[in-house]
Amino acid sequence: MNRLIVLVLVILVGACAEKKKESLEDDGEVNEVSTEKTANADVKFPVYDFESFEPLLHKDDGATYVINFWATWCKPCIEEMPHFERINAEQKENNVKVILVSLDMPNMWKSRLEPYVENKDIQSEVVILDDPKQNDWIPKVSKEWGGGIPATLIYNKEKRTFYERGFTYEELNEALHQFIK
């Protein structure tokens, strides 16, 4: 029993140590600065909060964007991933850009996300959306989005459609062709 208590205390102290705060003085004011370690220090993909990610949802450069929200722990997301890769390969000449937005947790970026992308030889652009305020940003992606994944936004300067579901290749190709007629 004593070993269990010691183990719990060690875990709690370790967790608290990672989130310690330092006080910094600047012109007489004391400011709190987080020294929390983040998993994105050496991750292979860009990591965005929603504010920095949002411009990717509103590009007006003549391309058609396929923005897929997914995670490595989501079985339907993994099942449809080859379809997005195929669209990415087949539709480049039609100025279609596929962006795969990972919603994996920070502790999964190195252990699951990077190996998955490497092992599957993913060629689409992969970015990480790391913003815990889902209730704020989900309706900014689409008012119809309940927050479930897989979810996909397809848009260009003329049209915008959001899909909160998985796709077969045929369904995804058909949805995309409504944008690139």
C-alpha atoms as a PDB file:
ATOM      1  CA  MET A   1       0.000   0.000   0.000  1.00  0.00           C
ATOM      2  CA  ASN A   2       2.834   2.391   0.860  1.00  0.00           C
ATOM      3  CA  ARG A   3       4.455   1.725  -2.525  1.00  0.00           C
ATOM      4  CA  LEU A   4       1.188   2.635  -4.251  1.00  0.00           C
ATOM      5  CA  ILE A   5       0.987   5.933  -2.353  1.00  0.00           C
ATOM      6  CA  VAL A   6       4.613   6.733  -3.193  1.00  0.00           C
ATOM      7  CA  LEU A   7       3.995   5.908  -6.873  1.00  0.00           C
ATOM      8  CA  VAL A   8       0.937   8.189  -7.002  1.00  0.00           C
ATOM      9  CA  LEU A   9       2.911  11.016  -5.359  1.00  0.00           C
ATOM     10  CA  VAL A  10       5.776  10.602  -7.823  1.00  0.00           C
ATOM     11  CA  ILE A  11       3.357  10.773 -10.752  1.00  0.00           C
ATOM     12  CA  LEU A  12       1.611  13.848  -9.357  1.00  0.00           C
ATOM     13  CA  VAL A  13       4.877  15.666  -8.632  1.00  0.00           C
ATOM     14  CA  GLY A  14       6.189  14.819 -12.104  1.00  0.00           C
ATOM     15  CA  ALA A  15       3.020  16.069 -13.766  1.00  0.00           C
ATOM     16  CA  CYS A  16       3.048  19.270 -11.758  1.00  0.00           C
ATOM     17  CA  ALA A  17       6.735  19.856 -12.498  1.00  0.00           C
ATOM     18  CA  GLU A  18       6.051  19.858 -16.232  1.00  0.00           C
ATOM     19  CA  LYS A  19       3.478  22.603 -15.809  1.00  0.00           C
ATOM     20  CA  LYS A  20       5.371  24.799 -13.341  1.00  0.00           C
ATOM     21  CA  LYS A  21       5.178  28.514 -13.816  1.00  0.00           C
ATOM     22  CA  GLU A  22       7.956  31.013 -13.490  1.00  0.00           C
ATOM     23  CA  SER A  23       7.497  34.578 -12.396  1.00  0.00           C
ATOM     24  CA  LEU A  24       9.285  37.110 -14.533  1.00  0.00           C
ATOM     25  CA  GLU A  25       9.671  40.749 -13.611  1.00  0.00           C
ATOM     26  CA  ASP A  26       9.295  43.283 -16.374  1.00  0.00           C
ATOM     27  CA  ASP A  27       9.317  46.970 -15.412  1.00  0.00           C
ATOM     28  CA  GLY A  28       8.186  46.132 -11.899  1.00  0.00           C
ATOM     29  CA  GLU A  29       5.273  43.949 -13.034  1.00  0.00           C
ATOM     30  CA  VAL A  30       5.192  40.259 -12.294  1.00  0.00           C
ATOM     31  CA  ASN A  31       3.979  38.190 -15.247  1.00  0.00           C
ATOM     32  CA  GLU A  32       3.221  34.471 -15.273  1.00  0.00           C
ATOM     33  CA  VAL A  33       4.945  32.606 -18.089  1.00  0.00           C
ATOM     34  CA  SER A  34       4.179  28.960 -18.717  1.00  0.00           C
ATOM     35  CA  THR A  35       7.176  26.677 -19.051  1.00  0.00           C
ATOM     36  CA  GLU A  36       5.031  23.684 -19.938  1.00  0.00           C
ATOM     37  CA  LYS A  37       6.879  21.322 -22.230  1.00  0.00           C
ATOM     38  CA  THR A  38       5.143  20.860 -25.538  1.00  0.00           C
ATOM     39  CA  ALA A  39       5.372  17.888 -27.847  1.00  0.00           C
ATOM     40  CA  ASN A  40       5.762  20.080 -30.912  1.00  0.00           C
ATOM     41  CA  ALA A  41       9.382  21.026 -30.296  1.00  0.00           C
ATOM     42  CA  ASP A  42      10.618  18.622 -32.948  1.00  0.00           C
ATOM     43  CA  VAL A  43       7.482  17.319 -34.632  1.00  0.00           C
ATOM     44  CA  LYS A  44       7.694  17.004 -38.432  1.00  0.00           C
ATOM     45  CA  PHE A  45       4.446  18.849 -39.204  1.00  0.00           C
ATOM     46  CA  PRO A  46       3.314  22.440 -38.665  1.00  0.00           C
ATOM     47  CA  VAL A  47       1.362  22.862 -35.433  1.00  0.00           C
ATOM     48  CA  TYR A  48      -1.396  25.464 -35.455  1.00  0.00           C
ATOM     49  CA  ASP A  49      -3.774  26.941 -32.953  1.00  0.00           C
ATOM     50  CA  PHE A  50      -7.080  27.812 -34.582  1.00  0.00           C
ATOM     51  CA  GLU A  51      -6.252  31.483 -35.101  1.00  0.00           C
ATOM     52  CA  SER A  52      -3.185  30.616 -37.171  1.00  0.00           C
ATOM     53  CA  PHE A  53      -4.965  27.700 -38.892  1.00  0.00           C
ATOM     54  CA  GLU A  54      -8.122  29.597 -39.912  1.00  0.00           C
ATOM     55  CA  PRO A  55      -6.625  31.249 -43.045  1.00  0.00           C
ATOM     56  CA  LEU A  56      -6.269  27.744 -44.551  1.00  0.00           C
ATOM     57  CA  LEU A  57     -10.088  27.591 -44.539  1.00  0.00           C
ATOM     58  CA  HIS A  58     -10.504  30.738 -46.634  1.00  0.00           C
ATOM     59  CA  LYS A  59      -7.898  30.744 -49.400  1.00  0.00           C
ATOM     60  CA  ASP A  60      -8.910  32.455 -52.627  1.00  0.00           C
ATOM     61  CA  ASP A  61      -6.059  31.473 -54.916  1.00  0.00           C
ATOM     62  CA  GLY A  62      -7.926  29.579 -57.640  1.00  0.00           C
ATOM     63  CA  ALA A  63      -7.398  26.159 -56.066  1.00  0.00           C
ATOM     64  CA  THR A  64     -10.003  23.774 -54.716  1.00  0.00           C
ATOM     65  CA  TYR A  65      -9.179  22.686 -51.175  1.00  0.00           C
ATOM     66  CA  VAL A  66     -10.068  19.381 -49.567  1.00  0.00           C
ATOM     67  CA  ILE A  67      -9.546  19.831 -45.821  1.00  0.00           C
ATOM     68  CA  ASN A  68      -9.928  16.568 -43.912  1.00  0.00           C
ATOM     69  CA  PHE A  69     -10.112  16.525 -40.110  1.00  0.00           C
ATOM     70  CA  TRP A  70      -8.894  13.181 -38.765  1.00  0.00           C
ATOM     71  CA  ALA A  71      -6.852  11.405 -36.096  1.00  0.00           C
ATOM     72  CA  THR A  72      -4.800   8.222 -35.947  1.00  0.00           C
ATOM     73  CA  TRP A  73      -7.074   6.829 -33.204  1.00  0.00           C
ATOM     74  CA  CYS A  74     -10.174   7.216 -35.426  1.00  0.00           C
ATOM     75  CA  LYS A  75     -10.822   3.973 -37.329  1.00  0.00           C
ATOM     76  CA  PRO A  76     -13.164   5.515 -39.951  1.00  0.00           C
ATOM     77  CA  CYS A  77     -10.550   8.241 -40.545  1.00  0.00           C
ATOM     78  CA  ILE A  78      -7.836   5.663 -41.178  1.00  0.00           C
ATOM     79  CA  GLU A  79     -10.148   3.653 -43.450  1.00  0.00           C
ATOM     80  CA  GLU A  80     -10.825   6.648 -45.710  1.00  0.00           C
ATOM     81  CA  MET A  81      -7.249   7.970 -45.771  1.00  0.00           C
ATOM     82  CA  PRO A  82      -6.254   6.090 -48.964  1.00  0.00           C
ATOM     83  CA  HIS A  83      -9.115   7.855 -50.781  1.00  0.00           C
ATOM     84  CA  PHE A  84      -7.739  11.287 -49.897  1.00  0.00           C
ATOM     85  CA  GLU A  85      -4.281  10.200 -50.999  1.00  0.00           C
ATOM     86  CA  ARG A  86      -5.674   8.964 -54.310  1.00  0.00           C
ATOM     87  CA  ILE A  87      -7.566  12.229 -54.864  1.00  0.00           C
ATOM     88  CA  ASN A  88      -4.398  14.148 -54.022  1.00  0.00           C
ATOM     89  CA  ALA A  89      -2.433  12.204 -56.652  1.00  0.00           C
ATOM     90  CA  GLU A  90      -5.119  12.196 -59.351  1.00  0.00           C
ATOM     91  CA  GLN A  91      -6.349  15.781 -59.062  1.00  0.00           C
ATOM     92  CA  LYS A  92      -3.158  17.843 -58.889  1.00  0.00           C
ATOM     93  CA  GLU A  93      -3.558  18.901 -62.519  1.00  0.00           C
ATOM     94  CA  ASN A  94      -7.014  20.264 -61.587  1.00  0.00           C
ATOM     95  CA  ASN A  95      -5.408  22.478 -58.915  1.00  0.00           C
ATOM     96  CA  VAL A  96      -6.851  20.436 -56.044  1.00  0.00           C
ATOM     97  CA  LYS A  97      -4.981  20.632 -52.744  1.00  0.00           C
ATOM     98  CA  VAL A  98      -5.585  18.068 -50.006  1.00  0.00           C
ATOM     99  CA  ILE A  99      -4.745  19.120 -46.454  1.00  0.00           C
ATOM    100  CA  LEU A 100      -4.976  16.484 -43.726  1.00  0.00           C
ATOM    101  CA  VAL A 101      -5.612  18.168 -40.367  1.00  0.00           C
ATOM    102  CA  SER A 102      -4.593  15.896 -37.524  1.00  0.00           C
ATOM    103  CA  LEU A 103      -6.527  16.273 -34.294  1.00  0.00           C
ATOM    104  CA  ASP A 104      -4.281  13.813 -32.454  1.00  0.00           C
ATOM    105  CA  MET A 105      -3.269  14.660 -28.899  1.00  0.00           C
ATOM    106  CA  PRO A 106       0.247  16.119 -28.424  1.00  0.00           C
ATOM    107  CA  ASN A 107       1.501  12.931 -26.765  1.00  0.00           C
ATOM    108  CA  MET A 108       0.618  11.048 -29.981  1.00  0.00           C
ATOM    109  CA  TRP A 109       2.423  13.268 -32.494  1.00  0.00           C
ATOM    110  CA  LYS A 110       5.778  11.478 -32.302  1.00  0.00           C
ATOM    111  CA  SER A 111       4.530   8.037 -31.258  1.00  0.00           C
ATOM    112  CA  ARG A 112       1.582   7.601 -33.647  1.00  0.00           C
ATOM    113  CA  LEU A 113       1.109  10.434 -36.146  1.00  0.00           C
ATOM    114  CA  GLU A 114       4.638  10.628 -37.539  1.00  0.00           C
ATOM    115  CA  PRO A 115       5.032   6.827 -37.876  1.00  0.00           C
ATOM    116  CA  TYR A 116       1.601   6.516 -39.514  1.00  0.00           C
ATOM    117  CA  VAL A 117       2.339   9.211 -42.106  1.00  0.00           C
ATOM    118  CA  GLU A 118       5.774   7.724 -42.801  1.00  0.00           C
ATOM    119  CA  ASN A 119       4.629   4.081 -42.961  1.00  0.00           C
ATOM    120  CA  LYS A 120       1.706   4.918 -45.271  1.00  0.00           C
ATOM    121  CA  ASP A 121       3.866   7.256 -47.370  1.00  0.00           C
ATOM    122  CA  ILE A 122       1.284  10.045 -47.081  1.00  0.00           C
ATOM    123  CA  GLN A 123       1.975  12.660 -49.772  1.00  0.00           C
ATOM    124  CA  SER A 124      -0.844  15.086 -48.936  1.00  0.00           C
ATOM    125  CA  GLU A 125      -0.005  18.075 -46.784  1.00  0.00           C
ATOM    126  CA  VAL A 126      -0.316  17.176 -43.077  1.00  0.00           C
ATOM    127  CA  VAL A 127      -0.826  19.799 -40.385  1.00  0.00           C
ATOM    128  CA  ILE A 128      -1.680  19.542 -36.708  1.00  0.00           C
ATOM    129  CA  LEU A 129      -4.496  21.541 -35.133  1.00  0.00           C
ATOM    130  CA  ASP A 130      -3.709  21.876 -31.440  1.00  0.00           C
ATOM    131  CA  ASP A 131      -6.340  24.117 -29.919  1.00  0.00           C
ATOM    132  CA  PRO A 132      -8.286  22.878 -26.889  1.00  0.00           C
ATOM    133  CA  LYS A 133     -11.116  25.405 -27.392  1.00  0.00           C
ATOM    134  CA  GLN A 134     -13.135  23.143 -29.722  1.00  0.00           C
ATOM    135  CA  ASN A 135     -16.420  24.749 -28.706  1.00  0.00           C
ATOM    136  CA  ASP A 136     -15.086  28.037 -30.072  1.00  0.00           C
ATOM    137  CA  TRP A 137     -13.506  26.880 -33.346  1.00  0.00           C
ATOM    138  CA  ILE A 138     -15.705  23.986 -34.506  1.00  0.00           C
ATOM    139  CA  PRO A 139     -18.618  26.284 -35.493  1.00  0.00           C
ATOM    140  CA  LYS A 140     -16.122  28.534 -37.300  1.00  0.00           C
ATOM    141  CA  VAL A 141     -15.212  25.614 -39.554  1.00  0.00           C
ATOM    142  CA  SER A 142     -18.896  24.864 -40.134  1.00  0.00           C
ATOM    143  CA  LYS A 143     -22.056  25.708 -38.224  1.00  0.00           C
ATOM    144  CA  GLU A 144     -23.318  22.217 -39.129  1.00  0.00           C
ATOM    145  CA  TRP A 145     -20.338  20.450 -37.528  1.00  0.00           C
ATOM    146  CA  GLY A 146     -21.148  18.646 -34.307  1.00  0.00           C
ATOM    147  CA  GLY A 147     -17.451  17.967 -33.712  1.00  0.00           C
ATOM    148  CA  GLY A 148     -17.269  14.347 -34.886  1.00  0.00           C
ATOM    149  CA  ILE A 149     -14.545  13.009 -37.154  1.00  0.00           C
ATOM    150  CA  PRO A 150     -13.896  12.177 -39.864  1.00  0.00           C
ATOM    151  CA  ALA A 151     -15.061  15.487 -41.242  1.00  0.00           C
ATOM    152  CA  THR A 152     -14.186  17.186 -44.510  1.00  0.00           C
ATOM    153  CA  LEU A 153     -14.516  20.687 -45.898  1.00  0.00           C
ATOM    154  CA  ILE A 154     -14.277  21.104 -49.667  1.00  0.00           C
ATOM    155  CA  TYR A 155     -14.171  24.654 -50.961  1.00  0.00           C
ATOM    156  CA  ASN A 156     -13.014  27.020 -53.652  1.00  0.00           C
ATOM    157  CA  LYS A 157     -13.799  30.665 -54.391  1.00  0.00           C
ATOM    158  CA  GLU A 158     -17.247  29.753 -55.721  1.00  0.00           C
ATOM    159  CA  LYS A 159     -18.527  27.014 -53.433  1.00  0.00           C
ATOM    160  CA  ARG A 160     -18.125  25.561 -49.946  1.00  0.00           C
ATOM    161  CA  THR A 161     -19.535  22.277 -48.578  1.00  0.00           C
ATOM    162  CA  PHE A 162     -18.912  20.557 -45.257  1.00  0.00           C
ATOM    163  CA  TYR A 163     -19.297  16.806 -44.681  1.00  0.00           C
ATOM    164  CA  GLU A 164     -19.377  15.268 -41.204  1.00  0.00           C
ATOM    165  CA  ARG A 165     -18.909  11.664 -42.305  1.00  0.00           C
ATOM    166  CA  GLY A 166     -16.490   9.258 -43.883  1.00  0.00           C
ATOM    167  CA  PHE A 167     -16.125   8.731 -47.627  1.00  0.00           C
ATOM    168  CA  THR A 168     -15.588   5.903 -50.055  1.00  0.00           C
ATOM    169  CA  TYR A 169     -13.365   6.839 -52.992  1.00  0.00           C
ATOM    170  CA  GLU A 170     -16.386   7.104 -55.281  1.00  0.00           C
ATOM    171  CA  GLU A 171     -18.268   9.386 -52.857  1.00  0.00           C
ATOM    172  CA  LEU A 172     -15.263  11.640 -52.346  1.00  0.00           C
ATOM    173  CA  ASN A 173     -14.561  11.825 -56.061  1.00  0.00           C
ATOM    174  CA  GLU A 174     -18.216  12.651 -56.782  1.00  0.00           C
ATOM    175  CA  ALA A 175     -18.269  15.379 -54.097  1.00  0.00           C
ATOM    176  CA  LEU A 176     -15.054  16.869 -55.457  1.00  0.00           C
ATOM    177  CA  HIS A 177     -16.320  16.880 -59.054  1.00  0.00           C
ATOM    178  CA  GLN A 178     -19.083  19.277 -58.006  1.00  0.00           C
ATOM    179  CA  PHE A 179     -16.247  21.792 -57.474  1.00  0.00           C
ATOM    180  CA  ILE A 180     -14.032  21.143 -60.510  1.00  0.00           C
ATOM    181  CA  LYS A 181     -16.558  20.694 -63.345  1.00  0.00           C
END
